[in-house]
Amino acid sequence: MTGRPNPFVDLAPLPIIGAPMANVGGGLLAAAISRAGGLGFAGFGGADGPDAVAREFDLAAGAPIGAGFMAWALDRDDAPLRAALERRPAVVSITFGALDRHVALVREAGIPVVTQVGDLDDLAAAERAGVDGVVARGGEGGGHGRDSIAMLPLLQAVLERTALPVAAAGGIATRRGVAAVLAAGASAAWIGTRFAAAVESRSSDRNRALLVAAGPGDTVHSRVHDIAKQDAWPVEFGGRALREPLHDEWLGREDELAAIAPIPCSPVYAGQGVGAIRAVEPAAAIVAALAPEHSAGSA
């Protein structure tokens, strides 16, 4: 490390990070998490341009938030990242593709940069790129990512192999889950699905209701939705979403699906911690429910 902040410890009072979620986690949600003592991220997808970045930072209204991007989308156009850097986020996350050029741009701006890793090859690439921290993201996690290693085995392996700060992601949705990864050596818990059902999220009322109703066995990791929509996601990064009829029809028949795509679909991305969601709540209440006992008071 070079004296730069530990992005998982120094930027927020609580070790609770609201993961970047494109189309779900915007400026309102990120700001609410940060104001509650965690660190919130606004997530930007491949269709989001500089105007979308400006909109979400305006919605954050000056709260310290992070900004999350996909490397493969930045390869096509890095204008959204440049727009975010002008707004001085607390930290930037760049994942899913070649990191070096984009990480260098963030570091030149003097802003901490982190990345998610789904295996040890990802870790090696992250260290070469010069990130300030890594997120060990297991296959339990919602949304896009690798599905080759579960979070706890991956977290242990990453902690043994790097001196970088490490956060843990994948299936963490309760105070016990947060305590478990902190006890294992993670600096913080990186949580998406629980916050996807927050009042301040960009999720629709329908999707919030589906998240509340789902159980831990109701998700599936696949490329079905990406193929159906003809999304440009790299093939190594499938998506974990709530199971629905499209999966039942096409899982294992992806080549056939590709031949007839595009097919309209609206995936509800969620990780295996989705069963912990019991109600739609404000983000501040979720942060309080997740916070370690010594920080949470009577929550």
C-alpha atoms as a PDB file:
ATOM      1  CA  MET A   1       0.000   0.000   0.000  1.00  0.00           C
ATOM      2  CA  THR A   2       1.080   3.590  -0.586  1.00  0.00           C
ATOM      3  CA  GLY A   3      -0.548   5.554   2.187  1.00  0.00           C
ATOM      4  CA  ARG A   4      -3.814   5.861   0.284  1.00  0.00           C
ATOM      5  CA  PRO A   5      -7.004   5.173   2.270  1.00  0.00           C
ATOM      6  CA  ASN A   6      -8.165   1.646   2.894  1.00  0.00           C
ATOM      7  CA  PRO A   7     -11.390   1.976   0.903  1.00  0.00           C
ATOM      8  CA  PHE A   8     -13.151  -0.619   3.047  1.00  0.00           C
ATOM      9  CA  VAL A   9     -12.333   0.915   6.428  1.00  0.00           C
ATOM     10  CA  ASP A  10     -11.322   4.563   6.249  1.00  0.00           C
ATOM     11  CA  LEU A  11     -14.183   5.897   4.150  1.00  0.00           C
ATOM     12  CA  ALA A  12     -17.128   4.935   6.387  1.00  0.00           C
ATOM     13  CA  PRO A  13     -17.787   4.350  10.098  1.00  0.00           C
ATOM     14  CA  LEU A  14     -19.388   0.937   9.500  1.00  0.00           C
ATOM     15  CA  PRO A  15     -18.022  -2.030   7.524  1.00  0.00           C
ATOM     16  CA  ILE A  16     -21.161  -2.111   5.363  1.00  0.00           C
ATOM     17  CA  ILE A  17     -20.807  -1.407   1.648  1.00  0.00           C
ATOM     18  CA  GLY A  18     -23.762  -1.087  -0.686  1.00  0.00           C
ATOM     19  CA  ALA A  19     -22.559  -2.808  -3.842  1.00  0.00           C
ATOM     20  CA  PRO A  20     -22.862  -1.044  -7.203  1.00  0.00           C
ATOM     21  CA  MET A  21     -25.949  -2.344  -9.008  1.00  0.00           C
ATOM     22  CA  ALA A  22     -26.662  -0.974 -12.468  1.00  0.00           C
ATOM     23  CA  ASN A  23     -30.314   0.033 -12.911  1.00  0.00           C
ATOM     24  CA  VAL A  24     -30.985  -0.702  -9.228  1.00  0.00           C
ATOM     25  CA  GLY A  25     -28.480   1.156  -7.069  1.00  0.00           C
ATOM     26  CA  GLY A  26     -28.456   4.843  -7.957  1.00  0.00           C
ATOM     27  CA  GLY A  27     -27.576   8.058  -6.200  1.00  0.00           C
ATOM     28  CA  LEU A  28     -30.526   8.033  -3.793  1.00  0.00           C
ATOM     29  CA  LEU A  29     -29.725   4.557  -2.470  1.00  0.00           C
ATOM     30  CA  ALA A  30     -25.975   5.167  -2.343  1.00  0.00           C
ATOM     31  CA  ALA A  31     -26.449   8.401  -0.414  1.00  0.00           C
ATOM     32  CA  ALA A  32     -28.889   6.819   2.037  1.00  0.00           C
ATOM     33  CA  ILE A  33     -26.402   4.023   2.805  1.00  0.00           C
ATOM     34  CA  SER A  34     -23.548   6.476   3.252  1.00  0.00           C
ATOM     35  CA  ARG A  35     -25.569   8.797   5.479  1.00  0.00           C
ATOM     36  CA  ALA A  36     -26.483   5.793   7.640  1.00  0.00           C
ATOM     37  CA  GLY A  37     -22.807   5.070   8.301  1.00  0.00           C
ATOM     38  CA  GLY A  38     -21.954   2.653   5.491  1.00  0.00           C
ATOM     39  CA  LEU A  39     -20.528   3.355   2.054  1.00  0.00           C
ATOM     40  CA  GLY A  40     -22.971   3.380  -0.834  1.00  0.00           C
ATOM     41  CA  PHE A  41     -22.172   2.918  -4.524  1.00  0.00           C
ATOM     42  CA  ALA A  42     -24.053   4.081  -7.566  1.00  0.00           C
ATOM     43  CA  GLY A  43     -23.722   1.447 -10.292  1.00  0.00           C
ATOM     44  CA  PHE A  44     -23.513   2.298 -13.986  1.00  0.00           C
ATOM     45  CA  GLY A  45     -24.283  -0.120 -16.815  1.00  0.00           C
ATOM     46  CA  GLY A  46     -23.206  -0.323 -20.403  1.00  0.00           C
ATOM     47  CA  ALA A  47     -26.069   1.910 -21.569  1.00  0.00           C
ATOM     48  CA  ASP A  48     -25.338   4.683 -19.055  1.00  0.00           C
ATOM     49  CA  GLY A  49     -23.571   7.735 -20.431  1.00  0.00           C
ATOM     50  CA  PRO A  50     -22.192  10.869 -18.762  1.00  0.00           C
ATOM     51  CA  ASP A  51     -25.711  12.299 -18.374  1.00  0.00           C
ATOM     52  CA  ALA A  52     -26.739   9.289 -16.280  1.00  0.00           C
ATOM     53  CA  VAL A  53     -23.634   9.717 -14.140  1.00  0.00           C
ATOM     54  CA  ALA A  54     -24.446  13.388 -13.561  1.00  0.00           C
ATOM     55  CA  ARG A  55     -28.053  12.545 -12.675  1.00  0.00           C
ATOM     56  CA  GLU A  56     -27.118  10.002 -10.014  1.00  0.00           C
ATOM     57  CA  PHE A  57     -24.489  12.239  -8.432  1.00  0.00           C
ATOM     58  CA  ASP A  58     -27.032  15.059  -8.331  1.00  0.00           C
ATOM     59  CA  LEU A  59     -29.470  12.727  -6.578  1.00  0.00           C
ATOM     60  CA  ALA A  60     -26.778  11.908  -4.003  1.00  0.00           C
ATOM     61  CA  ALA A  61     -26.811  15.610  -3.101  1.00  0.00           C
ATOM     62  CA  GLY A  62     -23.233  15.777  -1.912  1.00  0.00           C
ATOM     63  CA  ALA A  63     -23.169  12.580   0.158  1.00  0.00           C
ATOM     64  CA  PRO A  64     -19.884  10.665  -0.122  1.00  0.00           C
ATOM     65  CA  ILE A  65     -20.591   7.786  -2.500  1.00  0.00           C
ATOM     66  CA  GLY A  66     -18.685   5.363  -4.693  1.00  0.00           C
ATOM     67  CA  ALA A  67     -19.157   4.811  -8.409  1.00  0.00           C
ATOM     68  CA  GLY A  68     -19.120   1.355 -10.003  1.00  0.00           C
ATOM     69  CA  PHE A  69     -18.333   0.524 -13.639  1.00  0.00           C
ATOM     70  CA  MET A  70     -17.848  -2.498 -15.902  1.00  0.00           C
ATOM     71  CA  ALA A  71     -14.442  -2.640 -17.577  1.00  0.00           C
ATOM     72  CA  TRP A  72     -15.771  -4.196 -20.791  1.00  0.00           C
ATOM     73  CA  ALA A  73     -18.208  -1.308 -21.222  1.00  0.00           C
ATOM     74  CA  LEU A  74     -15.499   1.277 -20.501  1.00  0.00           C
ATOM     75  CA  ASP A  75     -13.395  -0.326 -23.235  1.00  0.00           C
ATOM     76  CA  ARG A  76     -16.013   0.910 -25.700  1.00  0.00           C
ATOM     77  CA  ASP A  77     -16.382   4.360 -24.143  1.00  0.00           C
ATOM     78  CA  ASP A  78     -14.788   5.612 -20.945  1.00  0.00           C
ATOM     79  CA  ALA A  79     -16.635   8.941 -20.959  1.00  0.00           C
ATOM     80  CA  PRO A  80     -18.916   7.823 -18.062  1.00  0.00           C
ATOM     81  CA  LEU A  81     -15.878   7.094 -15.907  1.00  0.00           C
ATOM     82  CA  ARG A  82     -14.321  10.435 -16.767  1.00  0.00           C
ATOM     83  CA  ALA A  83     -17.594  12.157 -15.890  1.00  0.00           C
ATOM     84  CA  ALA A  84     -17.663  10.392 -12.526  1.00  0.00           C
ATOM     85  CA  LEU A  85     -14.097  11.391 -11.740  1.00  0.00           C
ATOM     86  CA  GLU A  86     -15.063  15.027 -12.228  1.00  0.00           C
ATOM     87  CA  ARG A  87     -17.644  14.556  -9.449  1.00  0.00           C
ATOM     88  CA  ARG A  88     -14.968  13.184  -7.076  1.00  0.00           C
ATOM     89  CA  PRO A  89     -16.506   9.941  -5.791  1.00  0.00           C
ATOM     90  CA  ALA A  90     -15.153   8.566  -2.529  1.00  0.00           C
ATOM     91  CA  VAL A  91     -13.985   5.426  -4.359  1.00  0.00           C
ATOM     92  CA  VAL A  92     -14.392   3.825  -7.776  1.00  0.00           C
ATOM     93  CA  SER A  93     -15.067   0.146  -8.498  1.00  0.00           C
ATOM     94  CA  ILE A  94     -14.110  -1.300 -11.905  1.00  0.00           C
ATOM     95  CA  THR A  95     -14.731  -4.987 -12.604  1.00  0.00           C
ATOM     96  CA  PHE A  96     -15.430  -7.489 -15.392  1.00  0.00           C
ATOM     97  CA  GLY A  97     -12.670  -7.155 -17.947  1.00  0.00           C
ATOM     98  CA  ALA A  98      -9.212  -5.681 -18.503  1.00  0.00           C
ATOM     99  CA  LEU A  99      -8.435  -3.283 -15.682  1.00  0.00           C
ATOM    100  CA  ASP A 100      -5.077  -1.631 -16.296  1.00  0.00           C
ATOM    101  CA  ARG A 101      -5.999   1.414 -18.394  1.00  0.00           C
ATOM    102  CA  HIS A 102      -9.096   2.276 -16.380  1.00  0.00           C
ATOM    103  CA  VAL A 103      -7.417   1.779 -13.001  1.00  0.00           C
ATOM    104  CA  ALA A 104      -4.565   4.050 -14.106  1.00  0.00           C
ATOM    105  CA  LEU A 105      -7.064   6.763 -15.022  1.00  0.00           C
ATOM    106  CA  VAL A 106      -8.676   6.628 -11.576  1.00  0.00           C
ATOM    107  CA  ARG A 107      -5.353   6.604  -9.781  1.00  0.00           C
ATOM    108  CA  GLU A 108      -4.178   9.609 -11.788  1.00  0.00           C
ATOM    109  CA  ALA A 109      -7.220  11.415 -10.419  1.00  0.00           C
ATOM    110  CA  GLY A 110      -6.114  10.584  -6.864  1.00  0.00           C
ATOM    111  CA  ILE A 111      -9.198   8.494  -6.083  1.00  0.00           C
ATOM    112  CA  PRO A 112      -9.070   5.004  -4.508  1.00  0.00           C
ATOM    113  CA  VAL A 113     -10.033   2.180  -6.851  1.00  0.00           C
ATOM    114  CA  VAL A 114     -11.202  -1.360  -6.079  1.00  0.00           C
ATOM    115  CA  THR A 115     -12.285  -4.387  -8.073  1.00  0.00           C
ATOM    116  CA  GLN A 116     -14.244  -7.584  -7.524  1.00  0.00           C
ATOM    117  CA  VAL A 117     -12.402 -10.874  -7.956  1.00  0.00           C
ATOM    118  CA  GLY A 118     -14.096 -14.207  -8.579  1.00  0.00           C
ATOM    119  CA  ASP A 119     -10.999 -16.403  -8.664  1.00  0.00           C
ATOM    120  CA  LEU A 120      -7.261 -16.222  -8.104  1.00  0.00           C
ATOM    121  CA  ASP A 121      -6.541 -15.247 -11.696  1.00  0.00           C
ATOM    122  CA  ASP A 122      -8.716 -12.186 -11.142  1.00  0.00           C
ATOM    123  CA  LEU A 123      -6.719 -11.424  -7.995  1.00  0.00           C
ATOM    124  CA  ALA A 124      -3.425 -11.573  -9.874  1.00  0.00           C
ATOM    125  CA  ALA A 125      -4.784  -9.226 -12.550  1.00  0.00           C
ATOM    126  CA  ALA A 126      -6.057  -6.828  -9.879  1.00  0.00           C
ATOM    127  CA  GLU A 127      -2.682  -6.674  -8.177  1.00  0.00           C
ATOM    128  CA  ARG A 128      -0.922  -6.054 -11.486  1.00  0.00           C
ATOM    129  CA  ALA A 129      -3.329  -3.223 -12.254  1.00  0.00           C
ATOM    130  CA  GLY A 130      -2.523  -1.503  -8.947  1.00  0.00           C
ATOM    131  CA  VAL A 131      -5.912  -1.405  -7.232  1.00  0.00           C
ATOM    132  CA  ASP A 132      -6.289  -0.245  -3.634  1.00  0.00           C
ATOM    133  CA  GLY A 133      -8.504  -3.121  -2.531  1.00  0.00           C
ATOM    134  CA  VAL A 134     -10.283  -6.218  -3.769  1.00  0.00           C
ATOM    135  CA  VAL A 135     -13.714  -7.717  -3.183  1.00  0.00           C
ATOM    136  CA  ALA A 136     -13.755 -11.510  -2.921  1.00  0.00           C
ATOM    137  CA  ARG A 137     -17.068 -12.194  -4.647  1.00  0.00           C
ATOM    138  CA  GLY A 138     -18.381 -15.730  -4.472  1.00  0.00           C
ATOM    139  CA  GLY A 139     -20.805 -17.373  -6.836  1.00  0.00           C
ATOM    140  CA  GLU A 140     -23.647 -16.869  -4.327  1.00  0.00           C
ATOM    141  CA  GLY A 141     -23.741 -13.185  -5.222  1.00  0.00           C
ATOM    142  CA  GLY A 142     -26.558 -11.638  -7.198  1.00  0.00           C
ATOM    143  CA  GLY A 143     -26.134 -10.078 -10.602  1.00  0.00           C
ATOM    144  CA  HIS A 144     -23.194 -10.732 -12.870  1.00  0.00           C
ATOM    145  CA  GLY A 145     -19.996 -12.485 -11.870  1.00  0.00           C
ATOM    146  CA  ARG A 146     -18.205 -15.788 -11.887  1.00  0.00           C
ATOM    147  CA  ASP A 147     -19.830 -18.873 -10.407  1.00  0.00           C
ATOM    148  CA  SER A 148     -16.725 -21.037 -10.001  1.00  0.00           C
ATOM    149  CA  ILE A 149     -15.965 -20.556  -6.280  1.00  0.00           C
ATOM    150  CA  ALA A 150     -18.200 -19.926  -3.289  1.00  0.00           C
ATOM    151  CA  MET A 151     -17.540 -16.861  -1.172  1.00  0.00           C
ATOM    152  CA  LEU A 152     -15.984 -18.432   1.937  1.00  0.00           C
ATOM    153  CA  PRO A 153     -13.405 -20.617   0.128  1.00  0.00           C
ATOM    154  CA  LEU A 154     -12.583 -17.675  -2.139  1.00  0.00           C
ATOM    155  CA  LEU A 155     -12.289 -15.235   0.771  1.00  0.00           C
ATOM    156  CA  GLN A 156      -9.891 -17.535   2.595  1.00  0.00           C
ATOM    157  CA  ALA A 157      -7.732 -18.023  -0.487  1.00  0.00           C
ATOM    158  CA  VAL A 158      -7.629 -14.303  -1.293  1.00  0.00           C
ATOM    159  CA  LEU A 159      -6.746 -13.337   2.280  1.00  0.00           C
ATOM    160  CA  GLU A 160      -3.865 -15.823   2.238  1.00  0.00           C
ATOM    161  CA  ARG A 161      -2.466 -14.445  -1.016  1.00  0.00           C
ATOM    162  CA  THR A 162      -2.690 -10.671  -0.865  1.00  0.00           C
ATOM    163  CA  ALA A 163      -1.704  -7.813   1.405  1.00  0.00           C
ATOM    164  CA  LEU A 164      -4.411  -5.622  -0.136  1.00  0.00           C
ATOM    165  CA  PRO A 165      -7.529  -4.805   1.896  1.00  0.00           C
ATOM    166  CA  VAL A 166     -10.235  -7.374   1.166  1.00  0.00           C
ATOM    167  CA  ALA A 167     -14.015  -7.081   1.354  1.00  0.00           C
ATOM    168  CA  ALA A 168     -16.332 -10.094   1.077  1.00  0.00           C
ATOM    169  CA  ALA A 169     -19.342 -10.442  -1.214  1.00  0.00           C
ATOM    170  CA  GLY A 170     -21.865 -13.164  -1.993  1.00  0.00           C
ATOM    171  CA  GLY A 171     -24.884 -14.232   0.031  1.00  0.00           C
ATOM    172  CA  ILE A 172     -24.307 -11.786   2.923  1.00  0.00           C
ATOM    173  CA  ALA A 173     -27.669 -10.480   4.054  1.00  0.00           C
ATOM    174  CA  THR A 174     -27.800 -10.481   7.878  1.00  0.00           C
ATOM    175  CA  ARG A 175     -25.801  -9.233  10.849  1.00  0.00           C
ATOM    176  CA  ARG A 176     -24.582 -12.799  11.403  1.00  0.00           C
ATOM    177  CA  GLY A 177     -23.300 -12.918   7.827  1.00  0.00           C
ATOM    178  CA  VAL A 178     -21.461  -9.644   8.284  1.00  0.00           C
ATOM    179  CA  ALA A 179     -19.955 -10.849  11.557  1.00  0.00           C
ATOM    180  CA  ALA A 180     -18.844 -14.092   9.923  1.00  0.00           C
ATOM    181  CA  VAL A 181     -16.857 -12.443   7.132  1.00  0.00           C
ATOM    182  CA  LEU A 182     -15.331  -9.889   9.499  1.00  0.00           C
ATOM    183  CA  ALA A 183     -14.245 -12.721  11.799  1.00  0.00           C
ATOM    184  CA  ALA A 184     -12.677 -14.475   8.805  1.00  0.00           C
ATOM    185  CA  GLY A 185     -10.533 -11.412   8.133  1.00  0.00           C
ATOM    186  CA  ALA A 186     -12.505  -9.310   5.657  1.00  0.00           C
ATOM    187  CA  SER A 187     -12.391  -5.559   6.164  1.00  0.00           C
ATOM    188  CA  ALA A 188     -16.053  -5.109   5.231  1.00  0.00           C
ATOM    189  CA  ALA A 189     -19.139  -6.790   3.807  1.00  0.00           C
ATOM    190  CA  TRP A 190     -20.093  -5.872   0.226  1.00  0.00           C
ATOM    191  CA  ILE A 191     -23.876  -6.280  -0.022  1.00  0.00           C
ATOM    192  CA  GLY A 192     -26.191  -5.885  -2.982  1.00  0.00           C
ATOM    193  CA  THR A 193     -29.358  -7.991  -2.838  1.00  0.00           C
ATOM    194  CA  ARG A 194     -30.544  -6.826   0.582  1.00  0.00           C
ATOM    195  CA  PHE A 195     -30.340  -3.215  -0.599  1.00  0.00           C
ATOM    196  CA  ALA A 196     -32.073  -3.976  -3.909  1.00  0.00           C
ATOM    197  CA  ALA A 197     -35.351  -4.116  -1.955  1.00  0.00           C
ATOM    198  CA  ALA A 198     -34.727  -0.802  -0.153  1.00  0.00           C
ATOM    199  CA  VAL A 199     -37.181   2.052  -0.443  1.00  0.00           C
ATOM    200  CA  GLU A 200     -34.511   4.188  -2.132  1.00  0.00           C
ATOM    201  CA  SER A 201     -33.489   1.608  -4.728  1.00  0.00           C
ATOM    202  CA  ARG A 202     -34.453   1.957  -8.374  1.00  0.00           C
ATOM    203  CA  SER A 203     -36.203  -1.430  -8.256  1.00  0.00           C
ATOM    204  CA  SER A 204     -39.833  -1.449  -9.354  1.00  0.00           C
ATOM    205  CA  ASP A 205     -42.555  -2.207  -6.806  1.00  0.00           C
ATOM    206  CA  ARG A 206     -43.045  -5.533  -8.608  1.00  0.00           C
ATOM    207  CA  ASN A 207     -39.405  -6.474  -8.263  1.00  0.00           C
ATOM    208  CA  ARG A 208     -39.287  -5.450  -4.614  1.00  0.00           C
ATOM    209  CA  ALA A 209     -42.289  -7.690  -3.949  1.00  0.00           C
ATOM    210  CA  LEU A 210     -40.594 -10.599  -5.738  1.00  0.00           C
ATOM    211  CA  LEU A 211     -37.441 -10.120  -3.654  1.00  0.00           C
ATOM    212  CA  VAL A 212     -39.440 -10.096  -0.420  1.00  0.00           C
ATOM    213  CA  ALA A 213     -41.280 -13.274  -1.426  1.00  0.00           C
ATOM    214  CA  ALA A 214     -38.202 -15.221  -2.578  1.00  0.00           C
ATOM    215  CA  GLY A 215     -36.367 -17.893  -0.633  1.00  0.00           C
ATOM    216  CA  PRO A 216     -32.651 -18.742  -0.649  1.00  0.00           C
ATOM    217  CA  GLY A 217     -33.157 -21.517  -3.193  1.00  0.00           C
ATOM    218  CA  ASP A 218     -35.046 -19.369  -5.674  1.00  0.00           C
ATOM    219  CA  THR A 219     -32.063 -18.040  -7.641  1.00  0.00           C
ATOM    220  CA  VAL A 220     -30.114 -19.488 -10.543  1.00  0.00           C
ATOM    221  CA  HIS A 221     -26.818 -18.502 -12.176  1.00  0.00           C
ATOM    222  CA  SER A 222     -26.873 -18.605 -15.955  1.00  0.00           C
ATOM    223  CA  ARG A 223     -26.373 -16.716 -19.213  1.00  0.00           C
ATOM    224  CA  VAL A 224     -29.993 -17.163 -20.231  1.00  0.00           C
ATOM    225  CA  HIS A 225     -31.005 -13.541 -19.748  1.00  0.00           C
ATOM    226  CA  ASP A 226     -27.908 -12.150 -21.475  1.00  0.00           C
ATOM    227  CA  ILE A 227     -28.467 -14.427 -24.468  1.00  0.00           C
ATOM    228  CA  ALA A 228     -32.180 -13.640 -24.607  1.00  0.00           C
ATOM    229  CA  LYS A 229     -31.495  -9.891 -24.589  1.00  0.00           C
ATOM    230  CA  GLN A 230     -28.358 -10.194 -26.745  1.00  0.00           C
ATOM    231  CA  ASP A 231     -26.432  -8.316 -24.087  1.00  0.00           C
ATOM    232  CA  ALA A 232     -22.717  -7.806 -24.636  1.00  0.00           C
ATOM    233  CA  TRP A 233     -21.598  -9.316 -21.336  1.00  0.00           C
ATOM    234  CA  PRO A 234     -18.422 -11.438 -21.640  1.00  0.00           C
ATOM    235  CA  VAL A 235     -19.321 -15.133 -21.585  1.00  0.00           C
ATOM    236  CA  GLU A 236     -17.343 -15.830 -18.403  1.00  0.00           C
ATOM    237  CA  PHE A 237     -19.683 -13.625 -16.367  1.00  0.00           C
ATOM    238  CA  GLY A 238     -23.155 -15.076 -16.054  1.00  0.00           C
ATOM    239  CA  GLY A 239     -25.857 -13.551 -13.915  1.00  0.00           C
ATOM    240  CA  ARG A 240     -27.592 -14.821 -10.781  1.00  0.00           C
ATOM    241  CA  ALA A 241     -31.282 -13.899 -10.807  1.00  0.00           C
ATOM    242  CA  LEU A 242     -34.597 -15.107  -9.450  1.00  0.00           C
ATOM    243  CA  ARG A 243     -35.664 -18.259 -11.248  1.00  0.00           C
ATOM    244  CA  GLU A 244     -38.572 -17.758 -13.639  1.00  0.00           C
ATOM    245  CA  PRO A 245     -40.130 -19.560 -16.642  1.00  0.00           C
ATOM    246  CA  LEU A 246     -37.468 -18.354 -19.083  1.00  0.00           C
ATOM    247  CA  HIS A 247     -34.810 -20.237 -17.115  1.00  0.00           C
ATOM    248  CA  ASP A 248     -36.917 -23.365 -16.908  1.00  0.00           C
ATOM    249  CA  GLU A 249     -37.406 -23.360 -20.664  1.00  0.00           C
ATOM    250  CA  TRP A 250     -33.891 -22.507 -21.854  1.00  0.00           C
ATOM    251  CA  LEU A 251     -31.337 -23.460 -19.192  1.00  0.00           C
ATOM    252  CA  GLY A 252     -29.086 -25.990 -20.897  1.00  0.00           C
ATOM    253  CA  ARG A 253     -30.393 -24.977 -24.330  1.00  0.00           C
ATOM    254  CA  GLU A 254     -28.498 -21.710 -24.640  1.00  0.00           C
ATOM    255  CA  ASP A 255     -27.362 -22.372 -28.229  1.00  0.00           C
ATOM    256  CA  GLU A 256     -30.962 -22.829 -29.316  1.00  0.00           C
ATOM    257  CA  LEU A 257     -31.943 -19.659 -27.478  1.00  0.00           C
ATOM    258  CA  ALA A 258     -29.194 -17.663 -29.199  1.00  0.00           C
ATOM    259  CA  ALA A 259     -30.586 -18.694 -32.573  1.00  0.00           C
ATOM    260  CA  ILE A 260     -33.960 -17.061 -31.898  1.00  0.00           C
ATOM    261  CA  ALA A 261     -32.932 -14.097 -29.712  1.00  0.00           C
ATOM    262  CA  PRO A 262     -33.699 -11.377 -28.915  1.00  0.00           C
ATOM    263  CA  ILE A 263     -36.539 -12.298 -26.569  1.00  0.00           C
ATOM    264  CA  PRO A 264     -37.937  -9.675 -24.176  1.00  0.00           C
ATOM    265  CA  CYS A 265     -37.216 -10.437 -20.527  1.00  0.00           C
ATOM    266  CA  SER A 266     -36.872  -8.561 -17.239  1.00  0.00           C
ATOM    267  CA  PRO A 267     -34.543 -10.446 -14.892  1.00  0.00           C
ATOM    268  CA  VAL A 268     -34.631  -9.746 -11.178  1.00  0.00           C
ATOM    269  CA  TYR A 269     -31.009 -10.148 -10.188  1.00  0.00           C
ATOM    270  CA  ALA A 270     -30.555 -11.513  -6.665  1.00  0.00           C
ATOM    271  CA  GLY A 271     -28.097 -13.554  -4.662  1.00  0.00           C
ATOM    272  CA  GLN A 272     -28.653 -16.518  -2.392  1.00  0.00           C
ATOM    273  CA  GLY A 273     -29.082 -14.211   0.588  1.00  0.00           C
ATOM    274  CA  VAL A 274     -32.431 -13.086  -0.822  1.00  0.00           C
ATOM    275  CA  GLY A 275     -34.334 -15.190   1.707  1.00  0.00           C
ATOM    276  CA  ALA A 276     -33.288 -12.760   4.458  1.00  0.00           C
ATOM    277  CA  ILE A 277     -35.406  -9.982   2.945  1.00  0.00           C
ATOM    278  CA  ARG A 278     -38.641  -9.827   4.918  1.00  0.00           C
ATOM    279  CA  ALA A 279     -39.946  -6.385   3.943  1.00  0.00           C
ATOM    280  CA  VAL A 280     -39.281  -3.269   1.916  1.00  0.00           C
ATOM    281  CA  GLU A 281     -37.368  -0.977   4.265  1.00  0.00           C
ATOM    282  CA  PRO A 282     -35.422   2.282   4.156  1.00  0.00           C
ATOM    283  CA  ALA A 283     -31.724   1.810   3.529  1.00  0.00           C
ATOM    284  CA  ALA A 284     -30.880   3.264   6.941  1.00  0.00           C
ATOM    285  CA  ALA A 285     -32.896   0.529   8.643  1.00  0.00           C
ATOM    286  CA  ILE A 286     -31.092  -2.117   6.602  1.00  0.00           C
ATOM    287  CA  VAL A 287     -27.691  -0.683   7.521  1.00  0.00           C
ATOM    288  CA  ALA A 288     -28.681  -0.710  11.200  1.00  0.00           C
ATOM    289  CA  ALA A 289     -29.874  -4.309  10.942  1.00  0.00           C
ATOM    290  CA  LEU A 290     -26.584  -5.378   9.321  1.00  0.00           C
ATOM    291  CA  ALA A 291     -24.155  -3.437  11.509  1.00  0.00           C
ATOM    292  CA  PRO A 292     -21.961  -5.365  13.949  1.00  0.00           C
ATOM    293  CA  GLU A 293     -23.250  -5.477  17.515  1.00  0.00           C
ATOM    294  CA  HIS A 294     -20.602  -3.147  18.885  1.00  0.00           C
ATOM    295  CA  SER A 295     -21.638  -0.507  16.325  1.00  0.00           C
ATOM    296  CA  ALA A 296     -25.366  -1.117  16.088  1.00  0.00           C
ATOM    297  CA  GLY A 297     -26.633  -0.108  19.509  1.00  0.00           C
ATOM    298  CA  SER A 298     -30.091  -1.558  20.004  1.00  0.00           C
ATOM    299  CA  ALA A 299     -30.781  -2.145  16.301  1.00  0.00           C
END
